[in-house]
Amino acid sequence: MEIIDSHFKKNPRPYILQSLVALAVFFIVLLFVERVTQVVIVAALGASTFIIFSMPHSITAQPRRLIGGHIVGLLAGTAGHFFLTGSFTGVINDPVLLSAMTFALAIALAMFLMSITNTEHPPAAATSIGLLTAGWSWATILFVVLFAVLLSIIHRGLRRWLVDLF
């Protein structure tokens, strides 16, 4: 078994260029993330960036799934924040158990909604947890949606030059 992918050995250029573009895009995100939201959301957006630049032709890189998936994740996180936490607060007194139940339900809701709306984008399920962890705010919602749209536009513009690295 080789440690370095044989495709990389034959043609390292797309691996290097696509990683550098991902670096630039994500660097810009990190410049604004502390001012707009907490770093917890960054994990989901980082995973989306990985998909867009390492698997640009996969179904999960499509704009419908990228943008729609994060919107669904935000909706599930919002439901968790406003409805799920309040529903269990009187029933579950342990804050750790309450968080675990709310997070698990938010992930399940995100998965269900993404599946029935054809917006499956696995990193977006983490958006629901990020929203619950960072705390609900319009700034966070706007930031995630704008990032997903921007990433989709960049993906669309570069798609013919990007190759699947898998």
C-alpha atoms as a PDB file:
ATOM      1  CA  MET A   1       0.000   0.000   0.000  1.00  0.00           C
ATOM      2  CA  GLU A   2       1.356   3.398  -1.002  1.00  0.00           C
ATOM      3  CA  ILE A   3       1.188   6.417   1.269  1.00  0.00           C
ATOM      4  CA  ILE A   4       1.120   8.938  -1.590  1.00  0.00           C
ATOM      5  CA  ASP A   5      -1.709   8.628  -4.142  1.00  0.00           C
ATOM      6  CA  SER A   6      -0.395   7.401  -7.494  1.00  0.00           C
ATOM      7  CA  HIS A   7      -2.513  10.012  -9.301  1.00  0.00           C
ATOM      8  CA  PHE A   8      -0.693  12.728  -7.384  1.00  0.00           C
ATOM      9  CA  LYS A   9       2.655  11.298  -8.427  1.00  0.00           C
ATOM     10  CA  LYS A  10       1.597  11.402 -12.095  1.00  0.00           C
ATOM     11  CA  ASN A  11       0.043  14.863 -12.023  1.00  0.00           C
ATOM     12  CA  PRO A  12       0.506  16.907  -8.821  1.00  0.00           C
ATOM     13  CA  ARG A  13      -0.647  20.188 -10.351  1.00  0.00           C
ATOM     14  CA  PRO A  14      -4.438  19.920  -9.689  1.00  0.00           C
ATOM     15  CA  TYR A  15      -3.833  18.759  -6.125  1.00  0.00           C
ATOM     16  CA  ILE A  16      -1.627  21.751  -5.408  1.00  0.00           C
ATOM     17  CA  LEU A  17      -3.714  24.349  -7.262  1.00  0.00           C
ATOM     18  CA  GLN A  18      -7.058  23.215  -5.849  1.00  0.00           C
ATOM     19  CA  SER A  19      -5.625  23.109  -2.333  1.00  0.00           C
ATOM     20  CA  LEU A  20      -4.299  26.656  -2.782  1.00  0.00           C
ATOM     21  CA  VAL A  21      -7.695  27.914  -3.985  1.00  0.00           C
ATOM     22  CA  ALA A  22      -9.343  26.229  -0.990  1.00  0.00           C
ATOM     23  CA  LEU A  23      -6.743  27.892   1.240  1.00  0.00           C
ATOM     24  CA  ALA A  24      -7.542  31.329  -0.192  1.00  0.00           C
ATOM     25  CA  VAL A  25     -11.311  30.890   0.076  1.00  0.00           C
ATOM     26  CA  PHE A  26     -11.197  29.568   3.601  1.00  0.00           C
ATOM     27  CA  PHE A  27      -8.676  32.184   4.718  1.00  0.00           C
ATOM     28  CA  ILE A  28     -11.138  34.863   3.678  1.00  0.00           C
ATOM     29  CA  VAL A  29     -13.850  33.104   5.683  1.00  0.00           C
ATOM     30  CA  LEU A  30     -11.678  32.958   8.774  1.00  0.00           C
ATOM     31  CA  LEU A  31     -10.987  36.688   8.546  1.00  0.00           C
ATOM     32  CA  PHE A  32     -14.685  37.362   9.100  1.00  0.00           C
ATOM     33  CA  VAL A  33     -15.784  34.448  11.252  1.00  0.00           C
ATOM     34  CA  GLU A  34     -14.839  35.911  14.637  1.00  0.00           C
ATOM     35  CA  ARG A  35     -16.704  39.106  13.880  1.00  0.00           C
ATOM     36  CA  VAL A  36     -19.812  37.373  12.602  1.00  0.00           C
ATOM     37  CA  THR A  37     -20.138  34.076  14.411  1.00  0.00           C
ATOM     38  CA  GLN A  38     -18.203  31.645  16.525  1.00  0.00           C
ATOM     39  CA  VAL A  39     -15.627  29.222  15.233  1.00  0.00           C
ATOM     40  CA  VAL A  40     -17.891  26.197  15.775  1.00  0.00           C
ATOM     41  CA  ILE A  41     -19.644  26.854  12.447  1.00  0.00           C
ATOM     42  CA  VAL A  42     -16.268  26.768  10.686  1.00  0.00           C
ATOM     43  CA  ALA A  43     -16.046  22.965  10.907  1.00  0.00           C
ATOM     44  CA  ALA A  44     -19.122  22.489   8.715  1.00  0.00           C
ATOM     45  CA  LEU A  45     -18.020  25.158   6.262  1.00  0.00           C
ATOM     46  CA  GLY A  46     -14.500  23.708   6.148  1.00  0.00           C
ATOM     47  CA  ALA A  47     -15.907  20.299   5.252  1.00  0.00           C
ATOM     48  CA  SER A  48     -17.994  21.905   2.493  1.00  0.00           C
ATOM     49  CA  THR A  49     -14.876  23.622   1.178  1.00  0.00           C
ATOM     50  CA  PHE A  50     -13.122  20.253   1.160  1.00  0.00           C
ATOM     51  CA  ILE A  51     -15.920  18.703  -0.923  1.00  0.00           C
ATOM     52  CA  ILE A  52     -16.031  21.579  -3.408  1.00  0.00           C
ATOM     53  CA  PHE A  53     -12.289  21.532  -4.077  1.00  0.00           C
ATOM     54  CA  SER A  54     -11.491  17.832  -3.747  1.00  0.00           C
ATOM     55  CA  MET A  55     -14.665  16.328  -5.256  1.00  0.00           C
ATOM     56  CA  PRO A  56     -15.983  19.159  -7.447  1.00  0.00           C
ATOM     57  CA  HIS A  57     -17.982  16.855  -9.716  1.00  0.00           C
ATOM     58  CA  SER A  58     -19.681  14.879  -6.955  1.00  0.00           C
ATOM     59  CA  ILE A  59     -23.391  15.183  -6.352  1.00  0.00           C
ATOM     60  CA  THR A  60     -22.775  16.760  -2.930  1.00  0.00           C
ATOM     61  CA  ALA A  61     -20.883  19.629  -4.585  1.00  0.00           C
ATOM     62  CA  GLN A  62     -23.926  20.737  -6.598  1.00  0.00           C
ATOM     63  CA  PRO A  63     -25.284  24.174  -5.644  1.00  0.00           C
ATOM     64  CA  ARG A  64     -28.711  22.766  -4.731  1.00  0.00           C
ATOM     65  CA  ARG A  65     -27.127  20.413  -2.234  1.00  0.00           C
ATOM     66  CA  LEU A  66     -24.485  22.817  -0.922  1.00  0.00           C
ATOM     67  CA  ILE A  67     -26.776  25.805  -0.398  1.00  0.00           C
ATOM     68  CA  GLY A  68     -29.941  23.809   0.282  1.00  0.00           C
ATOM     69  CA  GLY A  69     -28.157  21.504   2.701  1.00  0.00           C
ATOM     70  CA  HIS A  70     -26.826  24.379   4.775  1.00  0.00           C
ATOM     71  CA  ILE A  71     -30.243  26.068   4.778  1.00  0.00           C
ATOM     72  CA  VAL A  72     -31.791  22.825   6.009  1.00  0.00           C
ATOM     73  CA  GLY A  73     -29.040  22.535   8.646  1.00  0.00           C
ATOM     74  CA  LEU A  74     -29.830  26.072   9.775  1.00  0.00           C
ATOM     75  CA  LEU A  75     -33.544  25.247   9.938  1.00  0.00           C
ATOM     76  CA  ALA A  76     -32.836  22.133  12.012  1.00  0.00           C
ATOM     77  CA  GLY A  77     -30.554  24.137  14.330  1.00  0.00           C
ATOM     78  CA  THR A  78     -33.224  26.823  14.624  1.00  0.00           C
ATOM     79  CA  ALA A  79     -35.824  24.184  15.499  1.00  0.00           C
ATOM     80  CA  GLY A  80     -33.422  22.817  18.087  1.00  0.00           C
ATOM     81  CA  HIS A  81     -32.825  26.239  19.547  1.00  0.00           C
ATOM     82  CA  PHE A  82     -36.426  27.407  19.729  1.00  0.00           C
ATOM     83  CA  PHE A  83     -38.476  24.224  20.064  1.00  0.00           C
ATOM     84  CA  LEU A  84     -36.483  21.167  21.068  1.00  0.00           C
ATOM     85  CA  THR A  85     -34.561  22.730  23.941  1.00  0.00           C
ATOM     86  CA  GLY A  86     -37.741  24.280  25.341  1.00  0.00           C
ATOM     87  CA  SER A  87     -39.687  21.026  24.973  1.00  0.00           C
ATOM     88  CA  PHE A  88     -37.253  19.062  27.109  1.00  0.00           C
ATOM     89  CA  THR A  89     -36.180  21.716  29.621  1.00  0.00           C
ATOM     90  CA  GLY A  90     -38.824  20.755  32.212  1.00  0.00           C
ATOM     91  CA  VAL A  91     -38.406  17.036  31.570  1.00  0.00           C
ATOM     92  CA  ILE A  92     -34.603  16.727  31.495  1.00  0.00           C
ATOM     93  CA  ASN A  93     -32.766  18.537  34.280  1.00  0.00           C
ATOM     94  CA  ASP A  94     -29.232  17.434  33.366  1.00  0.00           C
ATOM     95  CA  PRO A  95     -27.735  20.055  30.971  1.00  0.00           C
ATOM     96  CA  VAL A  96     -25.424  17.489  29.353  1.00  0.00           C
ATOM     97  CA  LEU A  97     -28.312  15.118  28.665  1.00  0.00           C
ATOM     98  CA  LEU A  98     -30.458  18.020  27.436  1.00  0.00           C
ATOM     99  CA  SER A  99     -27.719  19.123  25.002  1.00  0.00           C
ATOM    100  CA  ALA A 100     -27.156  15.562  23.784  1.00  0.00           C
ATOM    101  CA  MET A 101     -30.881  15.068  23.152  1.00  0.00           C
ATOM    102  CA  THR A 102     -31.244  18.420  21.389  1.00  0.00           C
ATOM    103  CA  PHE A 103     -28.128  17.887  19.246  1.00  0.00           C
ATOM    104  CA  ALA A 104     -29.166  14.349  18.281  1.00  0.00           C
ATOM    105  CA  LEU A 105     -32.671  15.485  17.327  1.00  0.00           C
ATOM    106  CA  ALA A 106     -31.287  18.416  15.310  1.00  0.00           C
ATOM    107  CA  ILE A 107     -28.968  16.078  13.367  1.00  0.00           C
ATOM    108  CA  ALA A 108     -31.807  13.598  12.761  1.00  0.00           C
ATOM    109  CA  LEU A 109     -34.098  16.408  11.616  1.00  0.00           C
ATOM    110  CA  ALA A 110     -31.418  17.798   9.286  1.00  0.00           C
ATOM    111  CA  MET A 111     -30.831  14.333   7.823  1.00  0.00           C
ATOM    112  CA  PHE A 112     -34.566  13.752   7.336  1.00  0.00           C
ATOM    113  CA  LEU A 113     -35.195  17.152   5.731  1.00  0.00           C
ATOM    114  CA  MET A 114     -32.132  16.927   3.459  1.00  0.00           C
ATOM    115  CA  SER A 115     -33.209  13.458   2.332  1.00  0.00           C
ATOM    116  CA  ILE A 116     -36.769  14.433   1.445  1.00  0.00           C
ATOM    117  CA  THR A 117     -35.751  17.670  -0.291  1.00  0.00           C
ATOM    118  CA  ASN A 118     -32.800  16.236  -2.260  1.00  0.00           C
ATOM    119  CA  THR A 119     -30.388  18.617  -0.586  1.00  0.00           C
ATOM    120  CA  GLU A 120     -28.050  16.026   0.936  1.00  0.00           C
ATOM    121  CA  HIS A 121     -24.773  17.678   1.875  1.00  0.00           C
ATOM    122  CA  PRO A 122     -23.222  15.824   4.844  1.00  0.00           C
ATOM    123  CA  PRO A 123     -21.252  18.772   6.285  1.00  0.00           C
ATOM    124  CA  ALA A 124     -24.499  20.743   6.499  1.00  0.00           C
ATOM    125  CA  ALA A 125     -25.807  18.399   9.182  1.00  0.00           C
ATOM    126  CA  ALA A 126     -23.054  19.808  11.379  1.00  0.00           C
ATOM    127  CA  THR A 127     -24.418  23.291  10.689  1.00  0.00           C
ATOM    128  CA  SER A 128     -27.364  22.455  12.939  1.00  0.00           C
ATOM    129  CA  ILE A 129     -24.998  21.578  15.781  1.00  0.00           C
ATOM    130  CA  GLY A 130     -22.888  24.650  15.066  1.00  0.00           C
ATOM    131  CA  LEU A 131     -25.926  26.880  15.332  1.00  0.00           C
ATOM    132  CA  LEU A 132     -26.929  25.273  18.631  1.00  0.00           C
ATOM    133  CA  THR A 133     -23.403  25.584  20.007  1.00  0.00           C
ATOM    134  CA  ALA A 134     -22.635  29.092  18.759  1.00  0.00           C
ATOM    135  CA  GLY A 135     -26.043  30.383  19.728  1.00  0.00           C
ATOM    136  CA  TRP A 136     -28.804  31.383  17.372  1.00  0.00           C
ATOM    137  CA  SER A 137     -28.389  34.742  15.638  1.00  0.00           C
ATOM    138  CA  TRP A 138     -29.352  36.348  12.361  1.00  0.00           C
ATOM    139  CA  ALA A 139     -25.682  37.135  11.772  1.00  0.00           C
ATOM    140  CA  THR A 140     -24.788  33.435  11.929  1.00  0.00           C
ATOM    141  CA  ILE A 141     -27.663  32.504   9.625  1.00  0.00           C
ATOM    142  CA  LEU A 142     -26.677  35.169   7.107  1.00  0.00           C
ATOM    143  CA  PHE A 143     -22.999  34.257   7.300  1.00  0.00           C
ATOM    144  CA  VAL A 144     -23.611  30.552   6.589  1.00  0.00           C
ATOM    145  CA  VAL A 145     -25.992  31.238   3.699  1.00  0.00           C
ATOM    146  CA  LEU A 146     -23.688  33.846   2.143  1.00  0.00           C
ATOM    147  CA  PHE A 147     -20.687  31.542   2.478  1.00  0.00           C
ATOM    148  CA  ALA A 148     -22.578  28.652   0.836  1.00  0.00           C
ATOM    149  CA  VAL A 149     -23.685  30.927  -2.016  1.00  0.00           C
ATOM    150  CA  LEU A 150     -20.178  32.353  -2.453  1.00  0.00           C
ATOM    151  CA  LEU A 151     -18.659  28.876  -2.431  1.00  0.00           C
ATOM    152  CA  SER A 152     -21.207  27.789  -5.048  1.00  0.00           C
ATOM    153  CA  ILE A 153     -20.368  30.750  -7.267  1.00  0.00           C
ATOM    154  CA  ILE A 154     -16.641  30.049  -6.989  1.00  0.00           C
ATOM    155  CA  HIS A 155     -17.279  26.369  -7.695  1.00  0.00           C
ATOM    156  CA  ARG A 156     -19.403  27.226 -10.720  1.00  0.00           C
ATOM    157  CA  GLY A 157     -16.757  29.579 -12.100  1.00  0.00           C
ATOM    158  CA  LEU A 158     -13.884  27.135 -11.648  1.00  0.00           C
ATOM    159  CA  ARG A 159     -15.748  23.862 -12.257  1.00  0.00           C
ATOM    160  CA  ARG A 160     -14.371  23.157 -15.714  1.00  0.00           C
ATOM    161  CA  TRP A 161     -10.795  23.475 -14.404  1.00  0.00           C
ATOM    162  CA  LEU A 162     -11.335  21.516 -11.205  1.00  0.00           C
ATOM    163  CA  VAL A 163     -10.833  17.751 -11.179  1.00  0.00           C
ATOM    164  CA  ASP A 164     -11.922  15.132  -8.704  1.00  0.00           C
ATOM    165  CA  LEU A 165      -8.929  14.304  -6.556  1.00  0.00           C
ATOM    166  CA  PHE A 166     -10.349  10.923  -5.556  1.00  0.00           C
END
